[in-house]
N, C-alpha and C. Protein backbone atom coordinates (compact mmCIF):
# COMPACT_ATOMS: atom_id res chain seq x y z
N UNK A 1 0.85 -1.18 0.00
CA UNK A 1 0.00 0.00 0.00
C UNK A 1 0.90 1.24 0.00
N UNK A 2 0.65 2.12 -0.89
CA UNK A 2 1.39 3.37 -0.99
C UNK A 2 0.57 4.49 -0.36
N UNK A 3 1.25 5.42 0.26
CA UNK A 3 0.54 6.54 0.88
C UNK A 3 -0.23 7.34 -0.16
N UNK A 4 0.26 7.37 -1.38
CA UNK A 4 -0.44 8.10 -2.44
C UNK A 4 -1.78 7.45 -2.78
N UNK A 5 -1.97 6.20 -2.39
CA UNK A 5 -3.20 5.49 -2.66
C UNK A 5 -4.17 5.52 -1.48
N UNK A 6 -3.79 6.18 -0.39
CA UNK A 6 -4.59 6.18 0.83
C UNK A 6 -5.34 7.50 0.95
N UNK A 7 -6.64 7.39 1.13
CA UNK A 7 -7.46 8.58 1.34
C UNK A 7 -7.59 8.81 2.84
N UNK A 8 -7.01 9.89 3.34
CA UNK A 8 -7.04 10.19 4.77
C UNK A 8 -8.04 11.29 5.11
N UNK A 9 -8.87 11.67 4.15
CA UNK A 9 -9.78 12.79 4.36
C UNK A 9 -10.81 12.51 5.47
N UNK A 10 -11.18 11.25 5.66
CA UNK A 10 -12.14 10.90 6.71
C UNK A 10 -11.48 10.22 7.91
N UNK A 11 -10.16 10.26 7.96
CA UNK A 11 -9.43 9.58 9.04
C UNK A 11 -9.75 10.22 10.38
N UNK A 12 -9.85 9.38 11.39
CA UNK A 12 -10.03 9.84 12.76
C UNK A 12 -8.67 9.71 13.45
N UNK A 13 -8.02 10.83 13.67
CA UNK A 13 -6.69 10.85 14.25
C UNK A 13 -6.78 10.84 15.77
N UNK A 14 -5.87 10.09 16.39
CA UNK A 14 -5.85 9.98 17.85
C UNK A 14 -4.44 10.23 18.35
N UNK A 15 -4.34 10.80 19.55
CA UNK A 15 -3.04 10.89 20.19
C UNK A 15 -3.14 10.29 21.58
N UNK A 16 -2.03 9.94 22.11
CA UNK A 16 -1.99 9.25 23.39
C UNK A 16 -2.63 10.09 24.49
N UNK A 17 -3.31 9.41 25.39
CA UNK A 17 -3.87 10.10 26.56
C UNK A 17 -2.74 10.54 27.48
N UNK A 18 -1.55 10.03 27.27
CA UNK A 18 -0.38 10.43 28.07
C UNK A 18 0.31 11.66 27.50
N UNK A 19 -0.17 12.15 26.39
CA UNK A 19 0.43 13.35 25.79
C UNK A 19 0.21 14.54 26.69
N UNK A 20 1.23 15.33 26.84
CA UNK A 20 1.11 16.55 27.62
C UNK A 20 0.45 17.64 26.79
N UNK A 21 0.25 18.77 27.38
CA UNK A 21 -0.38 19.88 26.69
C UNK A 21 0.59 20.74 25.90
N UNK A 22 1.83 20.29 25.73
CA UNK A 22 2.84 21.11 25.06
C UNK A 22 2.80 21.02 23.54
N UNK A 23 1.97 20.14 22.99
CA UNK A 23 1.83 20.05 21.54
C UNK A 23 2.86 19.20 20.84
N UNK A 24 3.81 18.64 21.58
CA UNK A 24 4.84 17.79 20.97
C UNK A 24 4.37 16.34 20.94
N UNK A 25 3.44 16.06 20.07
CA UNK A 25 2.81 14.74 20.02
C UNK A 25 2.76 14.22 18.59
N UNK A 26 2.58 12.93 18.51
CA UNK A 26 2.24 12.34 17.22
C UNK A 26 0.80 11.85 17.31
N UNK A 27 0.17 11.77 16.17
CA UNK A 27 -1.19 11.26 16.08
C UNK A 27 -1.17 10.05 15.16
N UNK A 28 -2.05 9.10 15.42
CA UNK A 28 -2.15 7.91 14.59
C UNK A 28 -3.58 7.71 14.14
N UNK A 29 -3.72 7.00 13.06
CA UNK A 29 -5.03 6.56 12.60
C UNK A 29 -4.88 5.15 12.02
N UNK A 30 -5.81 4.30 12.39
CA UNK A 30 -5.80 2.93 11.89
C UNK A 30 -6.47 2.87 10.53
N UNK A 31 -5.83 2.17 9.62
CA UNK A 31 -6.35 1.98 8.27
C UNK A 31 -6.51 0.48 8.04
N UNK A 32 -7.00 0.10 6.93
CA UNK A 32 -7.12 -1.32 6.60
C UNK A 32 -5.72 -1.90 6.37
N UNK A 33 -5.21 -2.62 7.36
CA UNK A 33 -3.90 -3.25 7.22
C UNK A 33 -2.72 -2.34 7.43
N UNK A 34 -2.95 -1.12 7.90
CA UNK A 34 -1.85 -0.17 8.07
C UNK A 34 -2.18 0.84 9.17
N UNK A 35 -1.16 1.60 9.55
CA UNK A 35 -1.32 2.69 10.51
C UNK A 35 -0.60 3.90 9.95
N UNK A 36 -1.26 5.05 9.97
CA UNK A 36 -0.65 6.29 9.53
C UNK A 36 -0.29 7.11 10.77
N UNK A 37 0.83 7.83 10.69
CA UNK A 37 1.33 8.63 11.80
C UNK A 37 1.67 10.02 11.28
N UNK A 38 1.31 11.05 12.07
CA UNK A 38 1.64 12.42 11.68
C UNK A 38 2.00 13.23 12.93
N UNK A 39 2.58 14.39 12.71
CA UNK A 39 2.92 15.33 13.77
C UNK A 39 1.68 16.15 14.10
N UNK A 40 1.27 16.17 15.36
CA UNK A 40 0.05 16.88 15.73
C UNK A 40 0.15 18.38 15.51
N UNK A 41 1.38 18.92 15.48
CA UNK A 41 1.55 20.36 15.25
C UNK A 41 1.41 20.72 13.77
N UNK A 42 1.46 19.72 12.91
CA UNK A 42 1.43 19.96 11.46
C UNK A 42 0.47 18.96 10.79
N UNK A 43 -0.83 19.09 11.07
CA UNK A 43 -1.78 18.09 10.58
C UNK A 43 -1.90 18.00 9.06
N UNK A 44 -1.46 18.99 8.34
CA UNK A 44 -1.49 18.92 6.88
C UNK A 44 -0.12 18.56 6.30
N UNK A 45 0.82 18.28 7.18
CA UNK A 45 2.19 17.95 6.76
C UNK A 45 2.33 16.48 6.39
N UNK A 46 3.58 16.03 6.36
CA UNK A 46 3.87 14.65 5.94
C UNK A 46 3.24 13.62 6.87
N UNK A 47 2.95 12.47 6.29
CA UNK A 47 2.38 11.33 7.01
C UNK A 47 3.27 10.12 6.76
N UNK A 48 3.55 9.37 7.81
CA UNK A 48 4.28 8.11 7.68
C UNK A 48 3.26 6.98 7.68
N UNK A 49 3.50 5.98 6.87
CA UNK A 49 2.59 4.84 6.76
C UNK A 49 3.35 3.57 7.10
N UNK A 50 2.81 2.79 8.05
CA UNK A 50 3.42 1.55 8.49
C UNK A 50 2.43 0.40 8.29
N UNK A 51 2.95 -0.76 7.96
CA UNK A 51 2.07 -1.92 7.91
C UNK A 51 1.60 -2.21 9.33
N UNK A 52 0.47 -2.89 9.44
CA UNK A 52 -0.04 -3.23 10.77
C UNK A 52 0.97 -4.10 11.52
N UNK A 53 1.64 -5.00 10.81
CA UNK A 53 2.64 -5.86 11.45
C UNK A 53 3.83 -5.06 11.98
N UNK A 54 4.33 -4.13 11.17
CA UNK A 54 5.46 -3.29 11.62
C UNK A 54 5.05 -2.42 12.80
N UNK A 55 3.85 -1.88 12.77
CA UNK A 55 3.37 -1.04 13.88
C UNK A 55 3.26 -1.88 15.15
N UNK A 56 2.76 -3.10 15.02
CA UNK A 56 2.66 -4.00 16.17
C UNK A 56 4.02 -4.32 16.76
N UNK A 57 5.01 -4.53 15.90
CA UNK A 57 6.37 -4.77 16.37
C UNK A 57 6.92 -3.56 17.10
N UNK A 58 6.67 -2.37 16.58
CA UNK A 58 7.10 -1.14 17.23
C UNK A 58 6.45 -1.00 18.61
N UNK A 59 5.14 -1.22 18.69
CA UNK A 59 4.45 -1.10 19.97
C UNK A 59 4.97 -2.11 20.98
N UNK A 60 5.20 -3.34 20.54
CA UNK A 60 5.72 -4.37 21.44
C UNK A 60 7.10 -3.97 21.96
N UNK A 61 7.94 -3.42 21.09
CA UNK A 61 9.26 -2.96 21.51
C UNK A 61 9.19 -1.81 22.49
N UNK A 62 8.24 -0.92 22.26
CA UNK A 62 8.05 0.21 23.17
C UNK A 62 7.62 -0.28 24.54
N UNK A 63 6.66 -1.20 24.58
CA UNK A 63 6.19 -1.74 25.86
C UNK A 63 7.27 -2.53 26.57
N UNK A 64 8.17 -3.14 25.82
CA UNK A 64 9.26 -3.93 26.41
C UNK A 64 10.44 -3.06 26.84
N UNK A 65 10.37 -1.76 26.57
CA UNK A 65 11.45 -0.85 26.98
C UNK A 65 12.63 -0.79 26.04
N UNK A 66 12.49 -1.30 24.82
CA UNK A 66 13.60 -1.29 23.87
C UNK A 66 14.10 0.10 23.52
N UNK A 67 13.26 1.10 23.67
CA UNK A 67 13.64 2.45 23.25
C UNK A 67 13.91 3.37 24.44
N UNK A 68 13.87 2.81 25.64
CA UNK A 68 14.16 3.63 26.83
C UNK A 68 15.62 4.06 26.81
N UNK A 69 15.86 5.23 27.30
CA UNK A 69 17.24 5.72 27.38
C UNK A 69 17.78 5.50 28.76
């Protein structure tokens, strides 16, 4: 799936409930077989597209602390 083939006009974007009020957040939207991610400060800017499997791997790594400093 290419981002150029994805219609995001009706997407429902969500950000983490753990996001602070400083605006430094990412937003995600679930698509059929994929997840799109964007910067909440720039909603008309670039969007990253991940397969559902890759997104699941990322979330599992995050929960396991793989990205902790």
